[in-house]
């Protein structure tokens, strides 16, 4: 199992702004595997030494943000899957652009809809 990278940590911290009860989960998360599909990257999580009873939250969270990256013309969207109070995975998706799953330099850009 691997540690979360900076982008994964940032996105999960933003998740806990909306779902504060999940903040206690973050120190226990490790990356179980990263799987690419050519257009997407799935980051699956495992919990280590976590014995809390999770709050019953079922959500797909994206915060309406886009990730601009030096490796892709159109950038990425993402969604975090929370099932039965467990942070399951993050799915990063391109806008139909082939991608090897590497980020390079990136910036998180808020959706214009969030500005209104």
C-alpha atoms as a PDB file:
ATOM      1  CA  UNK A   1       0.000   0.000   0.000  1.00  0.00           C
ATOM      2  CA  UNK A   2       1.116   3.517  -0.783  1.00  0.00           C
ATOM      3  CA  UNK A   3       0.690   6.919   0.793  1.00  0.00           C
ATOM      4  CA  UNK A   4      -1.747   9.365  -0.778  1.00  0.00           C
ATOM      5  CA  UNK A   5      -0.161  11.938  -3.068  1.00  0.00           C
ATOM      6  CA  UNK A   6      -0.597  15.696  -2.676  1.00  0.00           C
ATOM      7  CA  UNK A   7      -3.529  15.977  -5.071  1.00  0.00           C
ATOM      8  CA  UNK A   8      -5.412  13.089  -3.478  1.00  0.00           C
ATOM      9  CA  UNK A   9      -4.870  14.592  -0.017  1.00  0.00           C
ATOM     10  CA  UNK A  10      -6.039  18.028  -1.186  1.00  0.00           C
ATOM     11  CA  UNK A  11      -9.221  16.644  -2.747  1.00  0.00           C
ATOM     12  CA  UNK A  12     -10.044  14.581   0.330  1.00  0.00           C
ATOM     13  CA  UNK A  13      -9.482  17.602   2.584  1.00  0.00           C
ATOM     14  CA  UNK A  14     -12.012  19.485   0.440  1.00  0.00           C
ATOM     15  CA  UNK A  15     -14.379  16.546   0.823  1.00  0.00           C
ATOM     16  CA  UNK A  16     -14.183  16.859   4.610  1.00  0.00           C
ATOM     17  CA  UNK A  17     -15.243  20.496   4.399  1.00  0.00           C
ATOM     18  CA  UNK A  18     -18.623  19.243   3.189  1.00  0.00           C
ATOM     19  CA  UNK A  19     -18.621  16.050   5.292  1.00  0.00           C
ATOM     20  CA  UNK A  20     -16.717  16.922   8.517  1.00  0.00           C
ATOM     21  CA  UNK A  21     -17.308  13.484  10.053  1.00  0.00           C
ATOM     22  CA  UNK A  22     -14.981  11.999   7.403  1.00  0.00           C
ATOM     23  CA  UNK A  23     -11.983  14.049   8.595  1.00  0.00           C
ATOM     24  CA  UNK A  24     -11.081  11.392  11.160  1.00  0.00           C
ATOM     25  CA  UNK A  25     -10.790   8.862   8.305  1.00  0.00           C
ATOM     26  CA  UNK A  26      -7.953  10.642   6.471  1.00  0.00           C
ATOM     27  CA  UNK A  27      -5.019   9.573   8.702  1.00  0.00           C
ATOM     28  CA  UNK A  28      -6.078   5.946   8.190  1.00  0.00           C
ATOM     29  CA  UNK A  29      -6.290   5.957   4.381  1.00  0.00           C
ATOM     30  CA  UNK A  30      -3.705   4.302   2.177  1.00  0.00           C
ATOM     31  CA  UNK A  31      -3.769   3.732  -1.566  1.00  0.00           C
ATOM     32  CA  UNK A  32      -4.573   0.080  -2.210  1.00  0.00           C
ATOM     33  CA  UNK A  33      -4.074   0.433  -5.973  1.00  0.00           C
ATOM     34  CA  UNK A  34      -4.065   2.875  -8.850  1.00  0.00           C
ATOM     35  CA  UNK A  35      -5.618   1.603 -12.074  1.00  0.00           C
ATOM     36  CA  UNK A  36      -5.594   3.379 -15.430  1.00  0.00           C
ATOM     37  CA  UNK A  37      -7.991   2.784 -18.294  1.00  0.00           C
ATOM     38  CA  UNK A  38      -6.542   5.036 -20.996  1.00  0.00           C
ATOM     39  CA  UNK A  39      -8.963   7.882 -20.271  1.00  0.00           C
ATOM     40  CA  UNK A  40      -9.310   7.536 -16.485  1.00  0.00           C
ATOM     41  CA  UNK A  41      -7.381   6.806 -13.330  1.00  0.00           C
ATOM     42  CA  UNK A  42      -9.018   5.031 -10.400  1.00  0.00           C
ATOM     43  CA  UNK A  43      -7.388   5.394  -6.985  1.00  0.00           C
ATOM     44  CA  UNK A  44      -8.735   2.757  -4.568  1.00  0.00           C
ATOM     45  CA  UNK A  45      -8.313   3.214  -0.825  1.00  0.00           C
ATOM     46  CA  UNK A  46      -7.832   0.892   2.134  1.00  0.00           C
ATOM     47  CA  UNK A  47      -8.150   1.782   5.791  1.00  0.00           C
ATOM     48  CA  UNK A  48      -5.369   0.977   8.252  1.00  0.00           C
ATOM     49  CA  UNK A  49      -6.038   0.777  12.011  1.00  0.00           C
ATOM     50  CA  UNK A  50      -9.495   2.305  11.722  1.00  0.00           C
ATOM     51  CA  UNK A  51     -12.070   1.135  14.240  1.00  0.00           C
ATOM     52  CA  UNK A  52     -14.692   3.902  14.198  1.00  0.00           C
ATOM     53  CA  UNK A  53     -18.269   3.192  13.278  1.00  0.00           C
ATOM     54  CA  UNK A  54     -18.667   5.182  10.038  1.00  0.00           C
ATOM     55  CA  UNK A  55     -21.543   7.635   9.686  1.00  0.00           C
ATOM     56  CA  UNK A  56     -23.950   6.442   7.015  1.00  0.00           C
ATOM     57  CA  UNK A  57     -22.960   8.680   4.085  1.00  0.00           C
ATOM     58  CA  UNK A  58     -23.481   7.680   0.464  1.00  0.00           C
ATOM     59  CA  UNK A  59     -22.250  10.325  -1.955  1.00  0.00           C
ATOM     60  CA  UNK A  60     -20.387  11.099  -5.120  1.00  0.00           C
ATOM     61  CA  UNK A  61     -18.391  14.265  -4.449  1.00  0.00           C
ATOM     62  CA  UNK A  62     -16.626  16.488  -6.984  1.00  0.00           C
ATOM     63  CA  UNK A  63     -17.076  20.034  -5.629  1.00  0.00           C
ATOM     64  CA  UNK A  64     -17.631  21.206  -9.223  1.00  0.00           C
ATOM     65  CA  UNK A  65     -13.901  21.607  -9.798  1.00  0.00           C
ATOM     66  CA  UNK A  66     -11.654  20.874 -12.762  1.00  0.00           C
ATOM     67  CA  UNK A  67      -7.995  19.907 -12.568  1.00  0.00           C
ATOM     68  CA  UNK A  68      -5.775  21.599 -15.114  1.00  0.00           C
ATOM     69  CA  UNK A  69      -2.577  19.679 -15.733  1.00  0.00           C
ATOM     70  CA  UNK A  70       0.486  20.185 -17.886  1.00  0.00           C
ATOM     71  CA  UNK A  71       0.051  16.708 -19.405  1.00  0.00           C
ATOM     72  CA  UNK A  72      -3.492  17.220 -20.799  1.00  0.00           C
ATOM     73  CA  UNK A  73      -5.028  19.881 -23.043  1.00  0.00           C
ATOM     74  CA  UNK A  74      -8.501  19.845 -21.464  1.00  0.00           C
ATOM     75  CA  UNK A  75      -7.600  18.777 -17.931  1.00  0.00           C
ATOM     76  CA  UNK A  76      -9.479  16.345 -15.687  1.00  0.00           C
ATOM     77  CA  UNK A  77     -12.677  15.961 -13.780  1.00  0.00           C
ATOM     78  CA  UNK A  78     -12.840  13.889 -10.609  1.00  0.00           C
ATOM     79  CA  UNK A  79     -15.338  12.254  -8.312  1.00  0.00           C
ATOM     80  CA  UNK A  80     -14.849  10.769  -4.845  1.00  0.00           C
ATOM     81  CA  UNK A  81     -17.047   7.760  -4.041  1.00  0.00           C
ATOM     82  CA  UNK A  82     -18.249   7.451  -0.434  1.00  0.00           C
ATOM     83  CA  UNK A  83     -20.293   4.298   0.204  1.00  0.00           C
ATOM     84  CA  UNK A  84     -21.807   3.477   3.611  1.00  0.00           C
ATOM     85  CA  UNK A  85     -19.526   6.064   5.224  1.00  0.00           C
ATOM     86  CA  UNK A  86     -16.332   4.639   3.708  1.00  0.00           C
ATOM     87  CA  UNK A  87     -14.175   6.603   1.270  1.00  0.00           C
ATOM     88  CA  UNK A  88     -13.909   3.998  -1.496  1.00  0.00           C
ATOM     89  CA  UNK A  89     -12.044   5.646  -4.371  1.00  0.00           C
ATOM     90  CA  UNK A  90     -11.356   8.702  -6.514  1.00  0.00           C
ATOM     91  CA  UNK A  91     -11.994   8.539 -10.243  1.00  0.00           C
ATOM     92  CA  UNK A  92     -10.071  11.021 -12.377  1.00  0.00           C
ATOM     93  CA  UNK A  93     -11.353  11.327 -15.961  1.00  0.00           C
ATOM     94  CA  UNK A  94     -10.116  13.131 -19.021  1.00  0.00           C
ATOM     95  CA  UNK A  95     -12.404  14.764 -21.517  1.00  0.00           C
ATOM     96  CA  UNK A  96     -11.889  11.950 -24.086  1.00  0.00           C
ATOM     97  CA  UNK A  97      -8.135  12.482 -24.186  1.00  0.00           C
ATOM     98  CA  UNK A  98      -5.715   9.532 -23.926  1.00  0.00           C
ATOM     99  CA  UNK A  99      -3.848   9.636 -20.611  1.00  0.00           C
ATOM    100  CA  UNK A 100      -1.287   7.493 -18.810  1.00  0.00           C
ATOM    101  CA  UNK A 101      -2.412   8.517 -15.310  1.00  0.00           C
ATOM    102  CA  UNK A 102       0.449  10.908 -14.528  1.00  0.00           C
ATOM    103  CA  UNK A 103      -0.359  14.422 -13.401  1.00  0.00           C
ATOM    104  CA  UNK A 104       2.729  16.582 -13.838  1.00  0.00           C
ATOM    105  CA  UNK A 105       2.060  20.111 -12.636  1.00  0.00           C
ATOM    106  CA  UNK A 106      -1.583  20.743 -11.842  1.00  0.00           C
ATOM    107  CA  UNK A 107      -3.980  23.450 -10.666  1.00  0.00           C
ATOM    108  CA  UNK A 108      -7.442  22.960  -9.223  1.00  0.00           C
ATOM    109  CA  UNK A 109      -9.875  25.362 -10.845  1.00  0.00           C
ATOM    110  CA  UNK A 110     -13.302  26.085  -9.402  1.00  0.00           C
ATOM    111  CA  UNK A 111     -16.223  25.757 -11.743  1.00  0.00           C
ATOM    112  CA  UNK A 112     -17.654  28.987 -13.101  1.00  0.00           C
ATOM    113  CA  UNK A 113     -21.002  27.744 -11.766  1.00  0.00           C
ATOM    114  CA  UNK A 114     -19.532  27.910  -8.218  1.00  0.00           C
ATOM    115  CA  UNK A 115     -18.826  31.633  -8.731  1.00  0.00           C
ATOM    116  CA  UNK A 116     -22.489  32.540  -9.272  1.00  0.00           C
END
